[in-house]
């Protein structure tokens, strides 16, 4: 069961990374380079594996939901910062 969830996580990450790759073939609005794919892959992998670790270690369903929600919140905040510079840090590229 654990290895199946890991395969699912890796498959979902691959599909998510294929979306901008395919979009780049049809429009100039999506302009990712290799580093963008690497960073997003690391971000998605750490989020997926973080939630997987929490599901394995935390027994209470309520605590699982809260902690995975916090991991997802951190993911979305980092993603927004990297995409548009929500907080104005140097990581946003501005």
C-alpha atoms as a PDB file:
ATOM      1  CA  UNK A   1       0.000   0.000   0.000  1.00  0.00           C
ATOM      2  CA  UNK A   2       2.800   2.429   0.843  1.00  0.00           C
ATOM      3  CA  UNK A   3       4.622   1.904  -2.428  1.00  0.00           C
ATOM      4  CA  UNK A   4       1.364   2.371  -4.344  1.00  0.00           C
ATOM      5  CA  UNK A   5       0.846   5.774  -2.704  1.00  0.00           C
ATOM      6  CA  UNK A   6       4.422   6.741  -3.560  1.00  0.00           C
ATOM      7  CA  UNK A   7       3.850   5.765  -7.202  1.00  0.00           C
ATOM      8  CA  UNK A   8       0.626   7.804  -7.209  1.00  0.00           C
ATOM      9  CA  UNK A   9       2.440  10.838  -5.764  1.00  0.00           C
ATOM     10  CA  UNK A  10       5.194  10.614  -8.373  1.00  0.00           C
ATOM     11  CA  UNK A  11       2.657  10.133 -11.174  1.00  0.00           C
ATOM     12  CA  UNK A  12       0.635  13.166 -10.108  1.00  0.00           C
ATOM     13  CA  UNK A  13       3.815  15.253  -9.966  1.00  0.00           C
ATOM     14  CA  UNK A  14       4.738  14.131 -13.490  1.00  0.00           C
ATOM     15  CA  UNK A  15       1.273  15.031 -14.785  1.00  0.00           C
ATOM     16  CA  UNK A  16       1.387  18.441 -13.094  1.00  0.00           C
ATOM     17  CA  UNK A  17       4.788  19.149 -14.645  1.00  0.00           C
ATOM     18  CA  UNK A  18       3.544  18.069 -18.068  1.00  0.00           C
ATOM     19  CA  UNK A  19       0.856  20.770 -18.034  1.00  0.00           C
ATOM     20  CA  UNK A  20       3.242  23.748 -18.482  1.00  0.00           C
ATOM     21  CA  UNK A  21       5.421  21.670 -20.815  1.00  0.00           C
ATOM     22  CA  UNK A  22       2.484  21.059 -23.151  1.00  0.00           C
ATOM     23  CA  UNK A  23       1.255  24.642 -22.775  1.00  0.00           C
ATOM     24  CA  UNK A  24       4.670  25.930 -23.864  1.00  0.00           C
ATOM     25  CA  UNK A  25       4.186  24.158 -27.199  1.00  0.00           C
ATOM     26  CA  UNK A  26       1.001  26.102 -27.971  1.00  0.00           C
ATOM     27  CA  UNK A  27       1.472  29.561 -26.479  1.00  0.00           C
ATOM     28  CA  UNK A  28       4.215  32.007 -25.644  1.00  0.00           C
ATOM     29  CA  UNK A  29       2.396  32.990 -22.427  1.00  0.00           C
ATOM     30  CA  UNK A  30       3.989  30.051 -20.609  1.00  0.00           C
ATOM     31  CA  UNK A  31       7.739  30.562 -20.532  1.00  0.00           C
ATOM     32  CA  UNK A  32       9.365  28.071 -18.180  1.00  0.00           C
ATOM     33  CA  UNK A  33      13.021  27.125 -18.287  1.00  0.00           C
ATOM     34  CA  UNK A  34      14.727  24.052 -16.856  1.00  0.00           C
ATOM     35  CA  UNK A  35      15.198  25.650 -13.453  1.00  0.00           C
ATOM     36  CA  UNK A  36      11.456  26.383 -13.188  1.00  0.00           C
ATOM     37  CA  UNK A  37      10.670  22.708 -13.757  1.00  0.00           C
ATOM     38  CA  UNK A  38      13.294  21.631 -11.209  1.00  0.00           C
ATOM     39  CA  UNK A  39      12.060  24.038  -8.536  1.00  0.00           C
ATOM     40  CA  UNK A  40       8.415  23.137  -9.075  1.00  0.00           C
ATOM     41  CA  UNK A  41       9.284  19.438  -9.060  1.00  0.00           C
ATOM     42  CA  UNK A  42      11.085  19.824  -5.731  1.00  0.00           C
ATOM     43  CA  UNK A  43       8.204  21.857  -4.322  1.00  0.00           C
ATOM     44  CA  UNK A  44       5.592  19.312  -5.420  1.00  0.00           C
ATOM     45  CA  UNK A  45       7.701  16.376  -4.253  1.00  0.00           C
ATOM     46  CA  UNK A  46       8.316  17.868  -0.817  1.00  0.00           C
ATOM     47  CA  UNK A  47       4.608  18.653  -0.432  1.00  0.00           C
ATOM     48  CA  UNK A  48       3.529  15.168  -1.492  1.00  0.00           C
ATOM     49  CA  UNK A  49       6.090  13.391   0.629  1.00  0.00           C
ATOM     50  CA  UNK A  50       5.371  15.686   3.577  1.00  0.00           C
ATOM     51  CA  UNK A  51       1.685  14.786   3.510  1.00  0.00           C
ATOM     52  CA  UNK A  52       2.580  11.115   3.053  1.00  0.00           C
ATOM     53  CA  UNK A  53       4.854  11.245   6.107  1.00  0.00           C
ATOM     54  CA  UNK A  54       2.108  12.883   8.142  1.00  0.00           C
ATOM     55  CA  UNK A  55      -0.385  10.226   7.053  1.00  0.00           C
ATOM     56  CA  UNK A  56       2.011   7.517   8.226  1.00  0.00           C
ATOM     57  CA  UNK A  57       3.031   9.054  11.541  1.00  0.00           C
ATOM     58  CA  UNK A  58      -0.063  10.865  12.825  1.00  0.00           C
ATOM     59  CA  UNK A  59      -2.856   8.627  14.085  1.00  0.00           C
ATOM     60  CA  UNK A  60      -5.701  11.094  14.679  1.00  0.00           C
ATOM     61  CA  UNK A  61      -7.750  11.901  11.572  1.00  0.00           C
ATOM     62  CA  UNK A  62      -8.409  15.439  12.799  1.00  0.00           C
ATOM     63  CA  UNK A  63      -4.693  16.097  13.305  1.00  0.00           C
ATOM     64  CA  UNK A  64      -3.889  14.585   9.905  1.00  0.00           C
ATOM     65  CA  UNK A  65      -6.291  16.976   8.199  1.00  0.00           C
ATOM     66  CA  UNK A  66      -4.969  19.999  10.091  1.00  0.00           C
ATOM     67  CA  UNK A  67      -1.299  19.179   9.484  1.00  0.00           C
ATOM     68  CA  UNK A  68      -1.767  18.300   5.798  1.00  0.00           C
ATOM     69  CA  UNK A  69      -3.737  21.535   5.446  1.00  0.00           C
ATOM     70  CA  UNK A  70      -0.777  23.436   6.881  1.00  0.00           C
ATOM     71  CA  UNK A  71       1.598  21.688   4.474  1.00  0.00           C
ATOM     72  CA  UNK A  72      -0.691  22.625   1.571  1.00  0.00           C
ATOM     73  CA  UNK A  73      -0.958  26.207   2.831  1.00  0.00           C
ATOM     74  CA  UNK A  74       2.841  26.458   2.922  1.00  0.00           C
ATOM     75  CA  UNK A  75       2.969  25.022  -0.608  1.00  0.00           C
ATOM     76  CA  UNK A  76       0.489  27.580  -1.940  1.00  0.00           C
ATOM     77  CA  UNK A  77       2.234  30.498  -0.216  1.00  0.00           C
ATOM     78  CA  UNK A  78       5.638  29.477  -1.581  1.00  0.00           C
ATOM     79  CA  UNK A  79       4.126  28.923  -5.029  1.00  0.00           C
ATOM     80  CA  UNK A  80       2.473  32.360  -4.979  1.00  0.00           C
ATOM     81  CA  UNK A  81       5.699  33.989  -3.853  1.00  0.00           C
ATOM     82  CA  UNK A  82       7.701  32.342  -6.623  1.00  0.00           C
ATOM     83  CA  UNK A  83       5.046  33.106  -9.243  1.00  0.00           C
ATOM     84  CA  UNK A  84       4.123  36.720  -8.539  1.00  0.00           C
ATOM     85  CA  UNK A  85       6.159  37.942  -5.564  1.00  0.00           C
ATOM     86  CA  UNK A  86       3.321  38.022  -3.055  1.00  0.00           C
ATOM     87  CA  UNK A  87       5.606  39.024  -0.179  1.00  0.00           C
ATOM     88  CA  UNK A  88       8.332  40.821  -2.170  1.00  0.00           C
ATOM     89  CA  UNK A  89      11.226  38.552  -1.159  1.00  0.00           C
ATOM     90  CA  UNK A  90      14.282  38.127  -3.402  1.00  0.00           C
ATOM     91  CA  UNK A  91      13.077  34.606  -4.292  1.00  0.00           C
ATOM     92  CA  UNK A  92      10.354  36.114  -6.477  1.00  0.00           C
ATOM     93  CA  UNK A  93      12.957  37.367  -8.916  1.00  0.00           C
ATOM     94  CA  UNK A  94      12.070  41.006  -8.470  1.00  0.00           C
END
